[in-house]
Amino acid sequence: MPRYEFRCRACGDTFEVSRPMAEAGDPARCPQGHDDTVKLLPTVAVTGGAQAPAAPRAGGCCGGGCCS
């Protein structure tokens, strides 16, 4: 089951809630009992050695095959 992170605007506490994706946007009550909470955006770490595709080596408007 997915976990969603929330922050309480009243006390500043950050907490997680496990719930089905269908309920992802539902409000959450903080562990201290406050109702004024906001769902935080997930953070994603992206690492790796991916590179942009190489540019074509032939010139011209269509790769050099039909242009003079």
N, C-alpha and C. Protein backbone atom coordinates (compact mmCIF):
# COMPACT_ATOMS: atom_id res chain seq x y z
N MET A 1 0.85 -1.17 0.00
CA MET A 1 0.00 0.00 0.00
C MET A 1 0.90 1.24 0.00
N PRO A 2 0.60 2.23 -0.83
CA PRO A 2 1.44 3.44 -0.89
C PRO A 2 1.42 4.23 0.41
N ARG A 3 2.53 4.91 0.66
CA ARG A 3 2.65 5.77 1.84
C ARG A 3 2.73 7.21 1.36
N TYR A 4 1.99 8.09 2.02
CA TYR A 4 1.94 9.50 1.66
C TYR A 4 2.41 10.33 2.85
N GLU A 5 3.18 11.36 2.57
CA GLU A 5 3.72 12.20 3.63
C GLU A 5 2.89 13.48 3.74
N PHE A 6 2.57 13.85 4.96
CA PHE A 6 1.79 15.04 5.26
C PHE A 6 2.54 15.90 6.26
N ARG A 7 2.22 17.19 6.28
CA ARG A 7 2.74 18.11 7.29
C ARG A 7 1.57 18.84 7.90
N CYS A 8 1.60 18.95 9.23
CA CYS A 8 0.56 19.66 9.97
C CYS A 8 0.91 21.14 10.00
N ARG A 9 -0.02 21.97 9.59
CA ARG A 9 0.21 23.42 9.61
C ARG A 9 0.11 23.99 11.02
N ALA A 10 -0.60 23.30 11.90
CA ALA A 10 -0.78 23.79 13.27
C ALA A 10 0.45 23.56 14.13
N CYS A 11 1.03 22.35 14.08
CA CYS A 11 2.17 22.04 14.96
C CYS A 11 3.48 21.83 14.21
N GLY A 12 3.43 21.73 12.88
CA GLY A 12 4.65 21.55 12.09
C GLY A 12 5.12 20.11 12.01
N ASP A 13 4.41 19.16 12.60
CA ASP A 13 4.79 17.76 12.58
C ASP A 13 4.67 17.20 11.16
N THR A 14 5.63 16.37 10.75
CA THR A 14 5.57 15.66 9.47
C THR A 14 5.31 14.20 9.77
N PHE A 15 4.37 13.59 9.05
CA PHE A 15 3.99 12.20 9.32
C PHE A 15 3.59 11.51 8.04
N GLU A 16 3.58 10.18 8.06
CA GLU A 16 3.21 9.38 6.90
C GLU A 16 1.90 8.65 7.16
N VAL A 17 1.15 8.44 6.06
CA VAL A 17 -0.11 7.72 6.14
C VAL A 17 -0.10 6.68 5.03
N SER A 18 -0.42 5.42 5.36
CA SER A 18 -0.57 4.37 4.36
C SER A 18 -2.05 4.28 3.99
N ARG A 19 -2.32 4.36 2.69
CA ARG A 19 -3.71 4.28 2.23
C ARG A 19 -3.73 3.91 0.76
N PRO A 20 -4.86 3.41 0.27
CA PRO A 20 -4.97 3.06 -1.15
C PRO A 20 -4.82 4.30 -2.04
N MET A 21 -4.38 4.09 -3.27
CA MET A 21 -4.20 5.20 -4.20
C MET A 21 -5.51 5.95 -4.44
N ALA A 22 -6.64 5.26 -4.37
CA ALA A 22 -7.94 5.91 -4.57
C ALA A 22 -8.22 6.96 -3.50
N GLU A 23 -7.54 6.86 -2.35
CA GLU A 23 -7.74 7.81 -1.25
C GLU A 23 -6.55 8.75 -1.08
N ALA A 24 -5.68 8.84 -2.09
CA ALA A 24 -4.45 9.64 -1.99
C ALA A 24 -4.73 11.11 -1.70
N GLY A 25 -5.79 11.66 -2.24
CA GLY A 25 -6.09 13.08 -2.07
C GLY A 25 -6.95 13.41 -0.85
N ASP A 26 -7.36 12.39 -0.11
CA ASP A 26 -8.19 12.64 1.07
C ASP A 26 -7.40 13.35 2.16
N PRO A 27 -8.06 14.18 2.96
CA PRO A 27 -7.36 14.86 4.06
C PRO A 27 -6.89 13.86 5.11
N ALA A 28 -5.87 14.25 5.87
CA ALA A 28 -5.34 13.39 6.94
C ALA A 28 -5.25 14.20 8.22
N ARG A 29 -5.52 13.55 9.33
CA ARG A 29 -5.41 14.18 10.65
C ARG A 29 -4.03 13.87 11.21
N CYS A 30 -3.35 14.88 11.75
CA CYS A 30 -2.02 14.66 12.31
C CYS A 30 -2.11 13.85 13.59
N PRO A 31 -1.01 13.19 13.99
CA PRO A 31 -1.01 12.38 15.21
C PRO A 31 -1.37 13.18 16.47
N GLN A 32 -1.21 14.51 16.43
CA GLN A 32 -1.56 15.35 17.58
C GLN A 32 -3.04 15.73 17.58
N GLY A 33 -3.78 15.34 16.50
CA GLY A 33 -5.21 15.58 16.44
C GLY A 33 -5.63 16.79 15.63
N HIS A 34 -4.69 17.50 15.00
CA HIS A 34 -5.03 18.68 14.19
C HIS A 34 -5.54 18.25 12.82
N ASP A 35 -6.46 19.02 12.27
CA ASP A 35 -7.03 18.74 10.95
C ASP A 35 -6.38 19.54 9.83
N ASP A 36 -5.65 20.60 10.15
CA ASP A 36 -5.07 21.48 9.13
C ASP A 36 -3.75 20.91 8.64
N THR A 37 -3.84 19.95 7.70
CA THR A 37 -2.63 19.31 7.17
C THR A 37 -2.56 19.50 5.67
N VAL A 38 -1.36 19.32 5.13
CA VAL A 38 -1.14 19.43 3.70
C VAL A 38 -0.31 18.23 3.25
N LYS A 39 -0.69 17.66 2.10
CA LYS A 39 0.05 16.52 1.54
C LYS A 39 1.31 17.06 0.87
N LEU A 40 2.45 16.44 1.17
CA LEU A 40 3.72 16.86 0.60
C LEU A 40 3.98 16.14 -0.71
N LEU A 41 4.68 16.79 -1.61
CA LEU A 41 5.06 16.15 -2.86
C LEU A 41 6.17 15.15 -2.59
N PRO A 42 6.12 14.00 -3.26
CA PRO A 42 7.17 13.01 -3.04
C PRO A 42 8.49 13.49 -3.63
N THR A 43 9.58 13.12 -2.98
CA THR A 43 10.90 13.43 -3.50
C THR A 43 11.44 12.18 -4.18
N VAL A 44 12.06 12.37 -5.33
CA VAL A 44 12.59 11.25 -6.09
C VAL A 44 14.06 11.53 -6.38
N ALA A 45 14.91 10.59 -6.06
CA ALA A 45 16.33 10.72 -6.37
C ALA A 45 16.57 10.10 -7.74
N VAL A 46 17.15 10.87 -8.63
CA VAL A 46 17.44 10.38 -9.96
C VAL A 46 18.95 10.37 -10.12
N THR A 47 19.49 9.19 -10.37
CA THR A 47 20.92 9.05 -10.59
C THR A 47 21.14 8.17 -11.79
N GLY A 48 22.33 8.18 -12.30
CA GLY A 48 22.64 7.29 -13.41
C GLY A 48 23.48 7.99 -14.46
N GLY A 49 23.85 7.24 -15.45
CA GLY A 49 24.73 7.76 -16.48
C GLY A 49 24.04 7.94 -17.81
N ALA A 50 22.75 8.15 -17.83
CA ALA A 50 22.04 8.33 -19.10
C ALA A 50 22.53 9.60 -19.80
N GLN A 51 22.68 9.49 -21.10
CA GLN A 51 23.15 10.62 -21.89
C GLN A 51 22.12 10.94 -22.97
N ALA A 52 22.17 12.17 -23.45
CA ALA A 52 21.29 12.58 -24.54
C ALA A 52 21.70 11.82 -25.81
N PRO A 53 20.74 11.53 -26.70
CA PRO A 53 21.09 10.84 -27.93
C PRO A 53 22.06 11.67 -28.77
N ALA A 54 22.95 10.99 -29.46
CA ALA A 54 23.93 11.67 -30.29
C ALA A 54 23.25 12.30 -31.50
N ALA A 55 23.76 13.42 -31.93
CA ALA A 55 23.24 14.10 -33.11
C ALA A 55 23.63 13.31 -34.36
N PRO A 56 22.78 13.34 -35.39
CA PRO A 56 23.13 12.64 -36.63
C PRO A 56 24.43 13.20 -37.20
N ARG A 57 25.24 12.32 -37.79
CA ARG A 57 26.54 12.74 -38.32
C ARG A 57 26.44 13.30 -39.74
N ALA A 58 25.44 12.90 -40.48
CA ALA A 58 25.30 13.41 -41.85
C ALA A 58 24.62 14.78 -41.80
N GLY A 59 24.94 15.63 -42.75
CA GLY A 59 24.37 16.97 -42.76
C GLY A 59 23.16 17.05 -43.69
N GLY A 60 22.63 18.26 -43.81
CA GLY A 60 21.52 18.48 -44.73
C GLY A 60 20.19 18.39 -44.04
N CYS A 61 19.15 18.74 -44.79
CA CYS A 61 17.82 18.81 -44.24
C CYS A 61 17.22 17.44 -43.98
N CYS A 62 17.68 16.43 -44.66
CA CYS A 62 17.10 15.10 -44.47
C CYS A 62 18.20 14.07 -44.19
N GLY A 63 19.24 14.50 -43.55
CA GLY A 63 20.31 13.57 -43.22
C GLY A 63 21.36 13.45 -44.30
N GLY A 64 21.25 14.26 -45.34
CA GLY A 64 22.28 14.27 -46.38
C GLY A 64 22.06 13.27 -47.49
N GLY A 65 21.00 12.52 -47.44
CA GLY A 65 20.79 11.48 -48.47
C GLY A 65 20.24 12.01 -49.77
N CYS A 66 19.45 13.10 -49.75
CA CYS A 66 18.82 13.53 -51.00
C CYS A 66 19.15 14.99 -51.34
N CYS A 67 19.91 15.67 -50.53
CA CYS A 67 20.22 17.08 -50.78
C CYS A 67 21.57 17.20 -51.43
N SER A 68 21.70 18.15 -52.30
CA SER A 68 23.00 18.37 -52.98
C SER A 68 23.73 19.51 -52.32
